[in-house]
Amino acid sequence: CLGGLLMPLLLRLFPAPTLDLAGHGEAP
């Protein structure tokens, strides 16, 4: 439960560097 709560919170507080992944893998 902690992993499901904390990681989204950490990503909001400390956003990951933006990567341009157009065309990589499947589209959401």
mmCIF file of all heavy atoms, coordinates in Angstrom:
data_MODEL
# 
_entry.id   MODEL 
# 
loop_
_atom_site.group_PDB 
_atom_site.id 
_atom_site.type_symbol 
_atom_site.label_atom_id 
_atom_site.label_alt_id 
_atom_site.label_comp_id 
_atom_site.label_asym_id 
_atom_site.label_entity_id 
_atom_site.label_seq_id 
_atom_site.pdbx_PDB_ins_code 
_atom_site.Cartn_x 
_atom_site.Cartn_y 
_atom_site.Cartn_z 
_atom_site.occupancy 
_atom_site.B_iso_or_equiv 
_atom_site.pdbx_formal_charge 
_atom_site.auth_seq_id 
_atom_site.auth_comp_id 
_atom_site.auth_asym_id 
_atom_site.auth_atom_id 
_atom_site.pdbx_PDB_model_num 
ATOM 1   N N   . CYS A 1 1  ? 0.829  -1.212 0.000   1.00 0.00 ? 1  CYS A N   1 
ATOM 2   C CA  . CYS A 1 1  ? 0.000  0.000  0.000   1.00 0.00 ? 1  CYS A CA  1 
ATOM 3   C C   . CYS A 1 1  ? 0.858  1.255  0.000   1.00 0.00 ? 1  CYS A C   1 
ATOM 4   O O   . CYS A 1 1  ? 0.544  2.237  -0.688  1.00 0.00 ? 1  CYS A O   1 
ATOM 5   C CB  . CYS A 1 1  ? -0.938 -0.007 1.199   1.00 0.00 ? 1  CYS A CB  1 
ATOM 6   S SG  . CYS A 1 1  ? -2.187 -1.316 1.175   1.00 0.00 ? 1  CYS A SG  1 
ATOM 7   N N   . LEU A 1 2  ? 1.942  1.215  0.762   1.00 0.00 ? 2  LEU A N   1 
ATOM 8   C CA  . LEU A 1 2  ? 2.816  2.386  0.842   1.00 0.00 ? 2  LEU A CA  1 
ATOM 9   C C   . LEU A 1 2  ? 3.436  2.702  -0.515  1.00 0.00 ? 2  LEU A C   1 
ATOM 10  O O   . LEU A 1 2  ? 3.557  3.866  -0.909  1.00 0.00 ? 2  LEU A O   1 
ATOM 11  C CB  . LEU A 1 2  ? 3.906  2.143  1.881   1.00 0.00 ? 2  LEU A CB  1 
ATOM 12  C CG  . LEU A 1 2  ? 4.703  3.376  2.305   1.00 0.00 ? 2  LEU A CG  1 
ATOM 13  C CD1 . LEU A 1 2  ? 3.816  4.343  3.068   1.00 0.00 ? 2  LEU A CD1 1 
ATOM 14  C CD2 . LEU A 1 2  ? 5.889  2.980  3.169   1.00 0.00 ? 2  LEU A CD2 1 
ATOM 15  N N   . GLY A 1 3  ? 3.841  1.649  -1.244  1.00 0.00 ? 3  GLY A N   1 
ATOM 16  C CA  . GLY A 1 3  ? 4.400  1.875  -2.575  1.00 0.00 ? 3  GLY A CA  1 
ATOM 17  C C   . GLY A 1 3  ? 3.401  2.531  -3.509  1.00 0.00 ? 3  GLY A C   1 
ATOM 18  O O   . GLY A 1 3  ? 3.758  3.439  -4.283  1.00 0.00 ? 3  GLY A O   1 
ATOM 19  N N   . GLY A 1 4  ? 2.135  2.079  -3.433  1.00 0.00 ? 4  GLY A N   1 
ATOM 20  C CA  . GLY A 1 4  ? 1.110  2.648  -4.297  1.00 0.00 ? 4  GLY A CA  1 
ATOM 21  C C   . GLY A 1 4  ? 0.758  4.076  -3.951  1.00 0.00 ? 4  GLY A C   1 
ATOM 22  O O   . GLY A 1 4  ? 0.284  4.831  -4.814  1.00 0.00 ? 4  GLY A O   1 
ATOM 23  N N   . LEU A 1 5  ? 0.971  4.468  -2.691  1.00 0.00 ? 5  LEU A N   1 
ATOM 24  C CA  . LEU A 1 5  ? 0.674  5.836  -2.268  1.00 0.00 ? 5  LEU A CA  1 
ATOM 25  C C   . LEU A 1 5  ? 1.869  6.772  -2.428  1.00 0.00 ? 5  LEU A C   1 
ATOM 26  O O   . LEU A 1 5  ? 1.731  7.917  -2.879  1.00 0.00 ? 5  LEU A O   1 
ATOM 27  C CB  . LEU A 1 5  ? 0.219  5.839  -0.800  1.00 0.00 ? 5  LEU A CB  1 
ATOM 28  C CG  . LEU A 1 5  ? -1.131 5.176  -0.498  1.00 0.00 ? 5  LEU A CG  1 
ATOM 29  C CD1 . LEU A 1 5  ? -1.332 5.073  1.008   1.00 0.00 ? 5  LEU A CD1 1 
ATOM 30  C CD2 . LEU A 1 5  ? -2.268 5.938  -1.144  1.00 0.00 ? 5  LEU A CD2 1 
ATOM 31  N N   . LEU A 1 6  ? 3.064  6.276  -2.058  1.00 0.00 ? 6  LEU A N   1 
ATOM 32  C CA  . LEU A 1 6  ? 4.229  7.160  -1.991  1.00 0.00 ? 6  LEU A CA  1 
ATOM 33  C C   . LEU A 1 6  ? 4.833  7.482  -3.345  1.00 0.00 ? 6  LEU A C   1 
ATOM 34  O O   . LEU A 1 6  ? 5.231  8.623  -3.584  1.00 0.00 ? 6  LEU A O   1 
ATOM 35  C CB  . LEU A 1 6  ? 5.297  6.544  -1.091  1.00 0.00 ? 6  LEU A CB  1 
ATOM 36  C CG  . LEU A 1 6  ? 5.204  6.838  0.405   1.00 0.00 ? 6  LEU A CG  1 
ATOM 37  C CD1 . LEU A 1 6  ? 6.440  6.336  1.122   1.00 0.00 ? 6  LEU A CD1 1 
ATOM 38  C CD2 . LEU A 1 6  ? 5.038  8.330  0.653   1.00 0.00 ? 6  LEU A CD2 1 
ATOM 39  N N   . MET A 1 7  ? 4.944  6.492  -4.242  1.00 0.00 ? 7  MET A N   1 
ATOM 40  C CA  . MET A 1 7  ? 5.617  6.768  -5.513  1.00 0.00 ? 7  MET A CA  1 
ATOM 41  C C   . MET A 1 7  ? 4.873  7.811  -6.340  1.00 0.00 ? 7  MET A C   1 
ATOM 42  O O   . MET A 1 7  ? 5.503  8.740  -6.862  1.00 0.00 ? 7  MET A O   1 
ATOM 43  C CB  . MET A 1 7  ? 5.842  5.490  -6.307  1.00 0.00 ? 7  MET A CB  1 
ATOM 44  C CG  . MET A 1 7  ? 6.577  5.730  -7.640  1.00 0.00 ? 7  MET A CG  1 
ATOM 45  S SD  . MET A 1 7  ? 8.150  6.629  -7.455  1.00 0.00 ? 7  MET A SD  1 
ATOM 46  C CE  . MET A 1 7  ? 9.262  5.286  -7.071  1.00 0.00 ? 7  MET A CE  1 
ATOM 47  N N   . PRO A 1 8  ? 3.534  7.737  -6.509  1.00 0.00 ? 8  PRO A N   1 
ATOM 48  C CA  . PRO A 1 8  ? 2.859  8.838  -7.218  1.00 0.00 ? 8  PRO A CA  1 
ATOM 49  C C   . PRO A 1 8  ? 3.061  10.183 -6.535  1.00 0.00 ? 8  PRO A C   1 
ATOM 50  O O   . PRO A 1 8  ? 3.220  11.211 -7.204  1.00 0.00 ? 8  PRO A O   1 
ATOM 51  C CB  . PRO A 1 8  ? 1.379  8.414  -7.195  1.00 0.00 ? 8  PRO A CB  1 
ATOM 52  C CG  . PRO A 1 8  ? 1.407  6.922  -7.059  1.00 0.00 ? 8  PRO A CG  1 
ATOM 53  C CD  . PRO A 1 8  ? 2.592  6.639  -6.186  1.00 0.00 ? 8  PRO A CD  1 
ATOM 54  N N   . LEU A 1 9  ? 3.099  10.172 -5.177  1.00 0.00 ? 9  LEU A N   1 
ATOM 55  C CA  . LEU A 1 9  ? 3.318  11.423 -4.452  1.00 0.00 ? 9  LEU A CA  1 
ATOM 56  C C   . LEU A 1 9  ? 4.722  11.960 -4.702  1.00 0.00 ? 9  LEU A C   1 
ATOM 57  O O   . LEU A 1 9  ? 4.915  13.154 -4.957  1.00 0.00 ? 9  LEU A O   1 
ATOM 58  C CB  . LEU A 1 9  ? 3.097  11.198 -2.957  1.00 0.00 ? 9  LEU A CB  1 
ATOM 59  C CG  . LEU A 1 9  ? 3.367  12.394 -2.035  1.00 0.00 ? 9  LEU A CG  1 
ATOM 60  C CD1 . LEU A 1 9  ? 2.425  13.550 -2.378  1.00 0.00 ? 9  LEU A CD1 1 
ATOM 61  C CD2 . LEU A 1 9  ? 3.219  11.987 -0.573  1.00 0.00 ? 9  LEU A CD2 1 
ATOM 62  N N   . LEU A 1 10 ? 5.718  11.078 -4.671  1.00 0.00 ? 10 LEU A N   1 
ATOM 63  C CA  . LEU A 1 10 ? 7.095  11.499 -4.924  1.00 0.00 ? 10 LEU A CA  1 
ATOM 64  C C   . LEU A 1 10 ? 7.263  12.037 -6.342  1.00 0.00 ? 10 LEU A C   1 
ATOM 65  O O   . LEU A 1 10 ? 7.994  13.006 -6.571  1.00 0.00 ? 10 LEU A O   1 
ATOM 66  C CB  . LEU A 1 10 ? 8.054  10.327 -4.691  1.00 0.00 ? 10 LEU A CB  1 
ATOM 67  C CG  . LEU A 1 10 ? 8.270  9.905  -3.231  1.00 0.00 ? 10 LEU A CG  1 
ATOM 68  C CD1 . LEU A 1 10 ? 9.110  8.634  -3.161  1.00 0.00 ? 10 LEU A CD1 1 
ATOM 69  C CD2 . LEU A 1 10 ? 8.939  11.026 -2.439  1.00 0.00 ? 10 LEU A CD2 1 
ATOM 70  N N   . LEU A 1 11 ? 6.568  11.414 -7.287  1.00 0.00 ? 11 LEU A N   1 
ATOM 71  C CA  . LEU A 1 11 ? 6.665  11.882 -8.671  1.00 0.00 ? 11 LEU A CA  1 
ATOM 72  C C   . LEU A 1 11 ? 6.007  13.244 -8.860  1.00 0.00 ? 11 LEU A C   1 
ATOM 73  O O   . LEU A 1 11 ? 6.399  14.011 -9.736  1.00 0.00 ? 11 LEU A O   1 
ATOM 74  C CB  . LEU A 1 11 ? 6.039  10.846 -9.613  1.00 0.00 ? 11 LEU A CB  1 
ATOM 75  C CG  . LEU A 1 11 ? 6.902  9.602  -9.886  1.00 0.00 ? 11 LEU A CG  1 
ATOM 76  C CD1 . LEU A 1 11 ? 6.101  8.546  -10.629 1.00 0.00 ? 11 LEU A CD1 1 
ATOM 77  C CD2 . LEU A 1 11 ? 8.150  9.981  -10.667 1.00 0.00 ? 11 LEU A CD2 1 
ATOM 78  N N   . ARG A 1 12 ? 4.995  13.546 -8.034  1.00 0.00 ? 12 ARG A N   1 
ATOM 79  C CA  . ARG A 1 12 ? 4.395  14.881 -8.102  1.00 0.00 ? 12 ARG A CA  1 
ATOM 80  C C   . ARG A 1 12 ? 5.304  15.919 -7.439  1.00 0.00 ? 12 ARG A C   1 
ATOM 81  O O   . ARG A 1 12 ? 5.417  17.049 -7.913  1.00 0.00 ? 12 ARG A O   1 
ATOM 82  C CB  . ARG A 1 12 ? 3.017  14.879 -7.442  1.00 0.00 ? 12 ARG A CB  1 
ATOM 83  C CG  . ARG A 1 12 ? 1.920  14.271 -8.297  1.00 0.00 ? 12 ARG A CG  1 
ATOM 84  C CD  . ARG A 1 12 ? 0.545  14.637 -7.791  1.00 0.00 ? 12 ARG A CD  1 
ATOM 85  N NE  . ARG A 1 12 ? 0.272  14.055 -6.479  1.00 0.00 ? 12 ARG A NE  1 
ATOM 86  C CZ  . ARG A 1 12 ? -0.274 12.852 -6.292  1.00 0.00 ? 12 ARG A CZ  1 
ATOM 87  N NH1 . ARG A 1 12 ? -0.585 12.100 -7.341  1.00 0.00 ? 12 ARG A NH1 1 
ATOM 88  N NH2 . ARG A 1 12 ? -0.505 12.406 -5.081  1.00 0.00 ? 12 ARG A NH2 1 
ATOM 89  N N   . LEU A 1 13 ? 5.926  15.522 -6.334  1.00 0.00 ? 13 LEU A N   1 
ATOM 90  C CA  . LEU A 1 13 ? 6.809  16.459 -5.628  1.00 0.00 ? 13 LEU A CA  1 
ATOM 91  C C   . LEU A 1 13 ? 8.128  16.656 -6.358  1.00 0.00 ? 13 LEU A C   1 
ATOM 92  O O   . LEU A 1 13 ? 8.687  17.754 -6.377  1.00 0.00 ? 13 LEU A O   1 
ATOM 93  C CB  . LEU A 1 13 ? 7.067  15.951 -4.204  1.00 0.00 ? 13 LEU A CB  1 
ATOM 94  C CG  . LEU A 1 13 ? 5.867  15.911 -3.266  1.00 0.00 ? 13 LEU A CG  1 
ATOM 95  C CD1 . LEU A 1 13 ? 6.254  15.280 -1.932  1.00 0.00 ? 13 LEU A CD1 1 
ATOM 96  C CD2 . LEU A 1 13 ? 5.310  17.317 -3.037  1.00 0.00 ? 13 LEU A CD2 1 
ATOM 97  N N   . PHE A 1 14 ? 8.643  15.559 -6.941  1.00 0.00 ? 14 PHE A N   1 
ATOM 98  C CA  . PHE A 1 14 ? 9.934  15.598 -7.644  1.00 0.00 ? 14 PHE A CA  1 
ATOM 99  C C   . PHE A 1 14 ? 9.739  14.987 -9.032  1.00 0.00 ? 14 PHE A C   1 
ATOM 100 O O   . PHE A 1 14 ? 10.063 13.817 -9.246  1.00 0.00 ? 14 PHE A O   1 
ATOM 101 C CB  . PHE A 1 14 ? 11.003 14.829 -6.860  1.00 0.00 ? 14 PHE A CB  1 
ATOM 102 C CG  . PHE A 1 14 ? 11.099 15.223 -5.418  1.00 0.00 ? 14 PHE A CG  1 
ATOM 103 C CD1 . PHE A 1 14 ? 10.503 14.450 -4.428  1.00 0.00 ? 14 PHE A CD1 1 
ATOM 104 C CD2 . PHE A 1 14 ? 11.761 16.385 -5.053  1.00 0.00 ? 14 PHE A CD2 1 
ATOM 105 C CE1 . PHE A 1 14 ? 10.586 14.809 -3.094  1.00 0.00 ? 14 PHE A CE1 1 
ATOM 106 C CE2 . PHE A 1 14 ? 11.848 16.757 -3.718  1.00 0.00 ? 14 PHE A CE2 1 
ATOM 107 C CZ  . PHE A 1 14 ? 11.259 15.969 -2.738  1.00 0.00 ? 14 PHE A CZ  1 
ATOM 108 N N   . PRO A 1 15 ? 9.175  15.725 -9.969  1.00 0.00 ? 15 PRO A N   1 
ATOM 109 C CA  . PRO A 1 15 ? 8.846  15.160 -11.290 1.00 0.00 ? 15 PRO A CA  1 
ATOM 110 C C   . PRO A 1 15 ? 10.075 14.608 -12.002 1.00 0.00 ? 15 PRO A C   1 
ATOM 111 O O   . PRO A 1 15 ? 11.190 15.136 -11.867 1.00 0.00 ? 15 PRO A O   1 
ATOM 112 C CB  . PRO A 1 15 ? 8.257  16.355 -12.044 1.00 0.00 ? 15 PRO A CB  1 
ATOM 113 C CG  . PRO A 1 15 ? 7.848  17.321 -10.981 1.00 0.00 ? 15 PRO A CG  1 
ATOM 114 C CD  . PRO A 1 15 ? 8.814  17.140 -9.863  1.00 0.00 ? 15 PRO A CD  1 
ATOM 115 N N   . ALA A 1 16 ? 9.840  13.530 -12.734 1.00 0.00 ? 16 ALA A N   1 
ATOM 116 C CA  . ALA A 1 16 ? 10.915 12.944 -13.531 1.00 0.00 ? 16 ALA A CA  1 
ATOM 117 C C   . ALA A 1 16 ? 11.257 13.868 -14.690 1.00 0.00 ? 16 ALA A C   1 
ATOM 118 O O   . ALA A 1 16 ? 10.389 14.601 -15.195 1.00 0.00 ? 16 ALA A O   1 
ATOM 119 C CB  . ALA A 1 16 ? 10.484 11.579 -14.061 1.00 0.00 ? 16 ALA A CB  1 
ATOM 120 N N   . PRO A 1 17 ? 12.524 13.866 -15.121 1.00 0.00 ? 17 PRO A N   1 
ATOM 121 C CA  . PRO A 1 17 ? 12.884 14.651 -16.313 1.00 0.00 ? 17 PRO A CA  1 
ATOM 122 C C   . PRO A 1 17 ? 12.016 14.257 -17.501 1.00 0.00 ? 17 PRO A C   1 
ATOM 123 O O   . PRO A 1 17 ? 11.727 13.072 -17.714 1.00 0.00 ? 17 PRO A O   1 
ATOM 124 C CB  . PRO A 1 17 ? 14.354 14.274 -16.544 1.00 0.00 ? 17 PRO A CB  1 
ATOM 125 C CG  . PRO A 1 17 ? 14.853 13.843 -15.205 1.00 0.00 ? 17 PRO A CG  1 
ATOM 126 C CD  . PRO A 1 17 ? 13.686 13.180 -14.529 1.00 0.00 ? 17 PRO A CD  1 
ATOM 127 N N   . THR A 1 18 ? 11.580 15.244 -18.248 1.00 0.00 ? 18 THR A N   1 
ATOM 128 C CA  . THR A 1 18 ? 10.709 14.995 -19.397 1.00 0.00 ? 18 THR A CA  1 
ATOM 129 C C   . THR A 1 18 ? 11.511 14.377 -20.536 1.00 0.00 ? 18 THR A C   1 
ATOM 130 O O   . THR A 1 18 ? 12.564 14.895 -20.931 1.00 0.00 ? 18 THR A O   1 
ATOM 131 C CB  . THR A 1 18 ? 10.053 16.299 -19.884 1.00 0.00 ? 18 THR A CB  1 
ATOM 132 O OG1 . THR A 1 18 ? 9.336  16.870 -18.784 1.00 0.00 ? 18 THR A OG1 1 
ATOM 133 C CG2 . THR A 1 18 ? 9.106  16.025 -21.032 1.00 0.00 ? 18 THR A CG2 1 
ATOM 134 N N   . LEU A 1 19 ? 11.006 13.259 -21.054 1.00 0.00 ? 19 LEU A N   1 
ATOM 135 C CA  . LEU A 1 19 ? 11.663 12.582 -22.175 1.00 0.00 ? 19 LEU A CA  1 
ATOM 136 C C   . LEU A 1 19 ? 10.731 12.593 -23.369 1.00 0.00 ? 19 LEU A C   1 
ATOM 137 O O   . LEU A 1 19 ? 9.523  12.357 -23.237 1.00 0.00 ? 19 LEU A O   1 
ATOM 138 C CB  . LEU A 1 19 ? 12.006 11.137 -21.804 1.00 0.00 ? 19 LEU A CB  1 
ATOM 139 C CG  . LEU A 1 19 ? 12.962 10.931 -20.624 1.00 0.00 ? 19 LEU A CG  1 
ATOM 140 C CD1 . LEU A 1 19 ? 13.208 9.441  -20.409 1.00 0.00 ? 19 LEU A CD1 1 
ATOM 141 C CD2 . LEU A 1 19 ? 14.277 11.645 -20.859 1.00 0.00 ? 19 LEU A CD2 1 
ATOM 142 N N   . ASP A 1 20 ? 11.287 12.832 -24.531 1.00 0.00 ? 20 ASP A N   1 
ATOM 143 C CA  . ASP A 1 20 ? 10.520 12.783 -25.776 1.00 0.00 ? 20 ASP A CA  1 
ATOM 144 C C   . ASP A 1 20 ? 10.570 11.353 -26.291 1.00 0.00 ? 20 ASP A C   1 
ATOM 145 O O   . ASP A 1 20 ? 11.554 10.921 -26.885 1.00 0.00 ? 20 ASP A O   1 
ATOM 146 C CB  . ASP A 1 20 ? 11.118 13.740 -26.819 1.00 0.00 ? 20 ASP A CB  1 
ATOM 147 C CG  . ASP A 1 20 ? 10.352 13.696 -28.136 1.00 0.00 ? 20 ASP A CG  1 
ATOM 148 O OD1 . ASP A 1 20 ? 9.230  13.147 -28.135 1.00 0.00 ? 20 ASP A OD1 1 
ATOM 149 O OD2 . ASP A 1 20 ? 10.887 14.200 -29.141 1.00 0.00 ? 20 ASP A OD2 1 
ATOM 150 N N   . LEU A 1 21 ? 9.483  10.602 -26.039 1.00 0.00 ? 21 LEU A N   1 
ATOM 151 C CA  . LEU A 1 21 ? 9.453  9.190  -26.416 1.00 0.00 ? 21 LEU A CA  1 
ATOM 152 C C   . LEU A 1 21 ? 8.437  8.935  -27.513 1.00 0.00 ? 21 LEU A C   1 
ATOM 153 O O   . LEU A 1 21 ? 7.855  7.863  -27.591 1.00 0.00 ? 21 LEU A O   1 
ATOM 154 C CB  . LEU A 1 21 ? 9.124  8.327  -25.192 1.00 0.00 ? 21 LEU A CB  1 
ATOM 155 C CG  . LEU A 1 21 ? 10.210 8.318  -24.101 1.00 0.00 ? 21 LEU A CG  1 
ATOM 156 C CD1 . LEU A 1 21 ? 9.701  7.590  -22.881 1.00 0.00 ? 21 LEU A CD1 1 
ATOM 157 C CD2 . LEU A 1 21 ? 11.475 7.669  -24.621 1.00 0.00 ? 21 LEU A CD2 1 
ATOM 158 N N   . ALA A 1 22 ? 8.195  9.904  -28.330 1.00 0.00 ? 22 ALA A N   1 
ATOM 159 C CA  . ALA A 1 22 ? 7.233  9.727  -29.420 1.00 0.00 ? 22 ALA A CA  1 
ATOM 160 C C   . ALA A 1 22 ? 7.641  8.560  -30.290 1.00 0.00 ? 22 ALA A C   1 
ATOM 161 O O   . ALA A 1 22 ? 8.768  8.451  -30.746 1.00 0.00 ? 22 ALA A O   1 
ATOM 162 C CB  . ALA A 1 22 ? 7.167  11.006 -30.263 1.00 0.00 ? 22 ALA A CB  1 
ATOM 163 N N   . GLY A 1 23 ? 6.693  7.644  -30.458 1.00 0.00 ? 23 GLY A N   1 
ATOM 164 C CA  . GLY A 1 23 ? 6.950  6.490  -31.315 1.00 0.00 ? 23 GLY A CA  1 
ATOM 165 C C   . GLY A 1 23 ? 7.603  5.335  -30.606 1.00 0.00 ? 23 GLY A C   1 
ATOM 166 O O   . GLY A 1 23 ? 7.808  4.295  -31.201 1.00 0.00 ? 23 GLY A O   1 
ATOM 167 N N   . HIS A 1 24 ? 7.948  5.485  -29.317 1.00 0.00 ? 24 HIS A N   1 
ATOM 168 C CA  . HIS A 1 24 ? 8.584  4.383  -28.595 1.00 0.00 ? 24 HIS A CA  1 
ATOM 169 C C   . HIS A 1 24 ? 7.521  3.582  -27.878 1.00 0.00 ? 24 HIS A C   1 
ATOM 170 O O   . HIS A 1 24 ? 6.831  4.067  -27.007 1.00 0.00 ? 24 HIS A O   1 
ATOM 171 C CB  . HIS A 1 24 ? 9.590  4.917  -27.583 1.00 0.00 ? 24 HIS A CB  1 
ATOM 172 C CG  . HIS A 1 24 ? 10.509 3.853  -27.075 1.00 0.00 ? 24 HIS A CG  1 
ATOM 173 N ND1 . HIS A 1 24 ? 11.846 3.829  -27.363 1.00 0.00 ? 24 HIS A ND1 1 
ATOM 174 C CD2 . HIS A 1 24 ? 10.272 2.763  -26.327 1.00 0.00 ? 24 HIS A CD2 1 
ATOM 175 C CE1 . HIS A 1 24 ? 12.403 2.788  -26.809 1.00 0.00 ? 24 HIS A CE1 1 
ATOM 176 N NE2 . HIS A 1 24 ? 11.449 2.127  -26.152 1.00 0.00 ? 24 HIS A NE2 1 
ATOM 177 N N   . GLY A 1 25 ? 7.437  2.300  -28.200 1.00 0.00 ? 25 GLY A N   1 
ATOM 178 C CA  . GLY A 1 25 ? 6.490  1.415  -27.519 1.00 0.00 ? 25 GLY A CA  1 
ATOM 179 C C   . GLY A 1 25 ? 5.060  1.711  -27.929 1.00 0.00 ? 25 GLY A C   1 
ATOM 180 O O   . GLY A 1 25 ? 4.758  2.419  -28.865 1.00 0.00 ? 25 GLY A O   1 
ATOM 181 N N   . GLU A 1 26 ? 4.140  1.134  -27.146 1.00 0.00 ? 26 GLU A N   1 
ATOM 182 C CA  . GLU A 1 26 ? 2.733  1.281  -27.437 1.00 0.00 ? 26 GLU A CA  1 
ATOM 183 C C   . GLU A 1 26 ? 2.230  2.631  -26.938 1.00 0.00 ? 26 GLU A C   1 
ATOM 184 O O   . GLU A 1 26 ? 2.746  3.202  -25.991 1.00 0.00 ? 26 GLU A O   1 
ATOM 185 C CB  . GLU A 1 26 ? 1.927  0.166  -26.733 1.00 0.00 ? 26 GLU A CB  1 
ATOM 186 C CG  . GLU A 1 26 ? 2.472  -1.232 -27.016 1.00 0.00 ? 26 GLU A CG  1 
ATOM 187 C CD  . GLU A 1 26 ? 3.479  -1.683 -25.954 1.00 0.00 ? 26 GLU A CD  1 
ATOM 188 O OE1 . GLU A 1 26 ? 4.042  -0.796 -25.282 1.00 0.00 ? 26 GLU A OE1 1 
ATOM 189 O OE2 . GLU A 1 26 ? 3.695  -2.881 -25.833 1.00 0.00 ? 26 GLU A OE2 1 
ATOM 190 N N   . ALA A 1 27 ? 1.199  3.136  -27.567 1.00 0.00 ? 27 ALA A N   1 
ATOM 191 C CA  . ALA A 1 27 ? 0.604  4.397  -27.121 1.00 0.00 ? 27 ALA A CA  1 
ATOM 192 C C   . ALA A 1 27 ? -0.325 4.135  -25.949 1.00 0.00 ? 27 ALA A C   1 
ATOM 193 O O   . ALA A 1 27 ? -0.970 3.107  -25.884 1.00 0.00 ? 27 ALA A O   1 
ATOM 194 C CB  . ALA A 1 27 ? -0.177 5.037  -28.260 1.00 0.00 ? 27 ALA A CB  1 
ATOM 195 N N   . PRO A 1 28 ? -0.388 5.067  -25.000 1.00 0.00 ? 28 PRO A N   1 
ATOM 196 C CA  . PRO A 1 28 ? -1.309 4.886  -23.883 1.00 0.00 ? 28 PRO A CA  1 
ATOM 197 C C   . PRO A 1 28 ? -2.753 4.820  -24.353 1.00 0.00 ? 28 PRO A C   1 
ATOM 198 O O   . PRO A 1 28 ? -3.143 5.470  -25.310 1.00 0.00 ? 28 PRO A O   1 
ATOM 199 C CB  . PRO A 1 28 ? -1.078 6.141  -23.027 1.00 0.00 ? 28 PRO A CB  1 
ATOM 200 C CG  . PRO A 1 28 ? 0.268  6.649  -23.444 1.00 0.00 ? 28 PRO A CG  1 
ATOM 201 C CD  . PRO A 1 28 ? 0.408  6.288  -24.890 1.00 0.00 ? 28 PRO A CD  1 
# 
